Amino acid sequence: MKEIRRALSWISLPKKKIMLLHCILSYPTKNKDANLGMINDLQLNFPKIKIGYSDHTEPGNMNVTNLAFNLGCVLVEKHFTFNKKLKGNDHYHSADKNDLINLRNSLSENKLILGSMKKKVIEAEKKSRIYARRSIVANDFIRKNKKILKKDLTFKRPGTGIEPFHLEKVVGKISKKDIKKDALLKFKDLI
């Protein structure tokens, strides 16, 4: 961290024009040495700077790069070669055209799977939510003009009736009509 802070002190650019890349200087980096948890440390220590990942793991395994992406890296740097059999220190662990195509497809799928970064109801679950949730129903037969007690009620599917969090609004009301066991209660049937 001292070295990173020192290097940043020498750069006279706005923070938005700087990117820090987590990198393990080991060729190829073993998965157990990737230490992607350090990305989180960079994000915490430099919240105004974008964080990326310089990946030296073998290109056939997309798990490491995908995890870096999932941790919030906005850029991935990977060594590239046209021929992994060429002599030299970098070719044997570099990505080739097919590796990059696979990486792009994998990251696109990851982005799709990650979806929204805000917790909300999505379109695919709207219909299911109605029928999977519970409503207040009669636990037993409730006769007309009876004061409704908590013991007279239970919660069952579907969620098309009065929602359970309205229980206190129902308890103490009087039924305007006979209500069969397991029938959904409705406010219009209560006084």
Protein backbone atom coordinates (compact mmCIF):
# COMPACT_ATOMS: atom_id res chain seq x y z
CA MET A 1 0.00 0.00 0.00
CA LYS A 2 2.88 2.38 0.72
CA GLU A 3 4.23 1.82 -2.79
CA ILE A 4 0.81 2.46 -4.35
CA ARG A 5 0.29 5.64 -2.34
CA ARG A 6 3.80 6.83 -3.28
CA ALA A 7 3.18 6.13 -6.97
CA LEU A 8 -0.15 7.97 -6.83
CA SER A 9 1.55 10.98 -5.21
CA TRP A 10 3.79 11.29 -8.29
CA ILE A 11 0.88 11.29 -10.74
CA SER A 12 -0.57 14.72 -11.43
CA LEU A 13 -3.85 13.57 -12.97
CA PRO A 14 -7.38 13.79 -11.60
CA LYS A 15 -8.44 10.60 -9.77
CA LYS A 16 -11.10 9.89 -12.43
CA LYS A 17 -8.31 9.50 -15.02
CA ILE A 18 -6.38 6.95 -12.96
CA MET A 19 -7.02 3.23 -12.66
CA LEU A 20 -5.33 0.83 -10.26
CA LEU A 21 -4.95 -2.79 -11.38
CA HIS A 22 -4.58 -5.60 -8.88
CA CYS A 23 -1.74 -7.79 -10.12
CA ILE A 24 0.25 -10.76 -8.85
CA LEU A 25 3.74 -10.79 -10.33
CA SER A 26 4.02 -14.52 -10.94
CA TYR A 27 3.91 -16.15 -14.39
CA PRO A 28 1.58 -17.94 -14.70
CA THR A 29 -0.20 -17.05 -11.48
CA LYS A 30 -1.72 -20.08 -9.78
CA ASN A 31 -5.39 -19.68 -8.87
CA LYS A 32 -4.53 -20.05 -5.17
CA ASP A 33 -2.15 -17.09 -5.52
CA ALA A 34 -4.53 -14.76 -7.39
CA ASN A 35 -5.68 -13.19 -4.08
CA LEU A 36 -8.63 -11.41 -5.60
CA GLY A 37 -9.73 -10.40 -2.11
CA MET A 38 -7.08 -7.69 -2.39
CA ILE A 39 -9.33 -5.98 -4.94
CA ASN A 40 -11.67 -5.18 -2.07
CA ASP A 41 -8.78 -3.64 -0.12
CA LEU A 42 -7.93 -1.41 -3.10
CA GLN A 43 -11.59 -0.36 -3.41
CA LEU A 44 -11.75 0.51 0.30
CA ASN A 45 -8.46 2.43 0.33
CA PHE A 46 -8.98 4.25 -2.97
CA PRO A 47 -12.75 4.80 -3.31
CA LYS A 48 -12.41 7.56 -5.94
CA ILE A 49 -10.19 5.48 -8.24
CA LYS A 50 -11.41 2.78 -10.62
CA ILE A 51 -10.01 -0.68 -9.94
CA GLY A 52 -9.07 -3.27 -12.53
CA TYR A 53 -7.24 -6.58 -12.67
CA SER A 54 -4.04 -7.54 -14.46
CA ASP A 55 -4.56 -11.27 -14.94
CA HIS A 56 -1.58 -13.58 -15.24
CA THR A 57 -3.48 -16.82 -14.59
CA GLU A 58 -3.68 -19.38 -17.38
CA PRO A 59 -6.29 -18.31 -19.90
CA GLY A 60 -8.22 -21.59 -20.16
CA ASN A 61 -9.88 -21.04 -16.79
CA MET A 62 -12.34 -18.13 -16.77
CA ASN A 63 -13.21 -18.41 -13.05
CA VAL A 64 -10.51 -16.01 -11.87
CA THR A 65 -11.34 -13.31 -14.41
CA ASN A 66 -15.06 -13.73 -13.82
CA LEU A 67 -14.58 -13.37 -10.09
CA ALA A 68 -12.50 -10.19 -10.56
CA PHE A 69 -15.34 -8.81 -12.69
CA ASN A 70 -17.89 -9.80 -10.03
CA LEU A 71 -15.81 -8.01 -7.40
CA GLY A 72 -16.19 -4.78 -9.38
CA CYS A 73 -13.15 -4.61 -11.63
CA VAL A 74 -13.97 -2.36 -14.55
CA LEU A 75 -11.02 -3.44 -16.68
CA VAL A 76 -9.18 -6.71 -17.15
CA GLU A 77 -5.68 -6.76 -18.65
CA LYS A 78 -4.48 -10.05 -20.09
CA HIS A 79 -1.33 -10.93 -22.04
CA PHE A 80 -2.14 -11.72 -25.66
CA THR A 81 -0.37 -13.82 -28.27
CA PHE A 82 -1.11 -15.08 -31.77
CA ASN A 83 0.76 -18.32 -31.03
CA LYS A 84 1.21 -19.86 -27.57
CA LYS A 85 4.08 -22.03 -28.88
CA LEU A 86 6.38 -19.10 -29.68
CA LYS A 87 9.56 -18.76 -27.61
CA GLY A 88 9.65 -16.23 -24.83
CA ASN A 89 8.43 -15.68 -21.31
CA ASP A 90 4.90 -14.54 -22.11
CA HIS A 91 3.50 -16.68 -24.95
CA TYR A 92 2.83 -19.91 -23.07
CA HIS A 93 0.54 -18.26 -20.49
CA SER A 94 -0.99 -15.63 -22.76
CA ALA A 95 -4.50 -15.60 -24.17
CA ASP A 96 -5.02 -16.14 -27.86
CA LYS A 97 -7.96 -15.09 -30.06
CA ASN A 98 -10.13 -18.05 -28.96
CA ASP A 99 -9.38 -17.42 -25.28
CA LEU A 100 -10.45 -13.78 -25.65
CA ILE A 101 -13.65 -14.77 -27.44
CA ASN A 102 -14.41 -17.22 -24.62
CA LEU A 103 -13.56 -14.57 -22.03
CA ARG A 104 -15.83 -12.00 -23.66
CA ASN A 105 -18.69 -14.51 -23.83
CA SER A 106 -18.11 -15.56 -20.23
CA LEU A 107 -18.03 -11.96 -18.96
CA SER A 108 -21.17 -11.11 -20.96
CA GLU A 109 -22.96 -14.07 -19.39
CA ASN A 110 -21.71 -12.97 -15.96
CA LYS A 111 -23.03 -9.45 -16.53
CA LEU A 112 -26.38 -10.91 -17.53
CA ILE A 113 -26.45 -13.12 -14.43
CA LEU A 114 -25.47 -10.22 -12.13
CA GLY A 115 -28.42 -8.19 -13.39
CA SER A 116 -29.53 -5.20 -11.36
CA MET A 117 -27.37 -3.84 -8.58
CA LYS A 118 -30.50 -2.57 -6.76
CA LYS A 119 -32.80 -4.95 -4.90
CA LYS A 120 -36.22 -4.75 -6.49
CA VAL A 121 -38.97 -6.96 -7.90
CA ILE A 122 -38.10 -7.97 -11.46
CA GLU A 123 -40.59 -8.61 -14.24
CA ALA A 124 -40.01 -12.38 -14.23
CA GLU A 125 -41.25 -12.73 -10.64
CA LYS A 126 -44.27 -10.38 -10.62
CA LYS A 127 -46.86 -13.04 -11.47
CA SER A 128 -45.34 -15.64 -9.13
CA ARG A 129 -45.27 -13.19 -6.22
CA ILE A 130 -49.07 -12.96 -6.27
CA TYR A 131 -49.60 -16.69 -5.96
CA ALA A 132 -46.59 -17.53 -3.78
CA ARG A 133 -47.45 -15.01 -1.08
CA ARG A 134 -50.04 -15.48 1.64
CA SER A 135 -53.34 -13.84 2.42
CA ILE A 136 -55.43 -13.75 5.59
CA VAL A 137 -57.94 -16.61 5.46
CA ALA A 138 -60.54 -18.02 7.82
CA ASN A 139 -58.98 -20.66 10.07
CA ASP A 140 -62.47 -22.07 10.62
CA PHE A 141 -66.04 -21.16 9.70
CA ILE A 142 -66.79 -17.54 10.76
CA ARG A 143 -70.49 -16.82 11.16
CA LYS A 144 -72.15 -13.53 10.20
CA ASN A 145 -71.94 -10.78 12.89
CA LYS A 146 -69.09 -12.53 14.75
CA LYS A 147 -66.27 -10.43 16.18
CA ILE A 148 -63.11 -11.74 14.54
CA LEU A 149 -60.39 -12.98 16.87
CA LYS A 150 -56.79 -13.79 16.05
CA LYS A 151 -57.49 -17.51 16.49
CA ASP A 152 -60.11 -17.28 13.70
CA LEU A 153 -57.44 -16.42 11.16
CA THR A 154 -54.45 -17.99 9.45
CA PHE A 155 -52.34 -17.26 6.38
CA LYS A 156 -52.44 -19.25 3.14
CA ARG A 157 -51.78 -18.92 -0.56
CA PRO A 158 -52.59 -17.23 -2.88
CA GLY A 159 -51.61 -13.67 -2.04
CA THR A 160 -54.65 -12.17 -3.74
CA GLY A 161 -56.47 -11.26 -0.51
CA ILE A 162 -55.65 -9.13 2.51
CA GLU A 163 -51.91 -9.27 3.17
CA PRO A 164 -50.82 -10.74 6.54
CA PHE A 165 -49.23 -7.50 7.70
CA HIS A 166 -52.79 -6.07 7.91
CA LEU A 167 -53.73 -8.65 10.58
CA GLU A 168 -54.26 -6.01 13.30
CA LYS A 169 -56.72 -4.19 11.01
CA VAL A 170 -58.79 -7.37 10.67
CA VAL A 171 -58.77 -8.59 14.29
CA GLY A 172 -61.69 -7.01 16.16
CA LYS A 173 -63.78 -6.38 13.04
CA ILE A 174 -67.27 -7.89 12.64
CA SER A 175 -68.07 -10.17 9.71
CA LYS A 176 -70.91 -8.90 7.49
CA LYS A 177 -71.55 -12.43 6.19
CA ASP A 178 -70.75 -16.07 6.79
CA ILE A 179 -67.14 -16.81 5.82
CA LYS A 180 -66.21 -20.39 4.97
CA LYS A 181 -63.08 -22.07 6.33
CA ASP A 182 -60.04 -21.28 4.12
CA ALA A 183 -61.87 -18.40 2.39
CA LEU A 184 -59.85 -15.28 1.70
CA LEU A 185 -60.98 -12.40 3.86
CA LYS A 186 -61.90 -9.11 2.17
CA PHE A 187 -62.21 -5.73 3.83
CA LYS A 188 -65.59 -5.21 2.11
CA ASP A 189 -66.94 -8.18 4.13
CA LEU A 190 -65.94 -6.64 7.47
CA ILE A 191 -67.34 -3.85 9.60
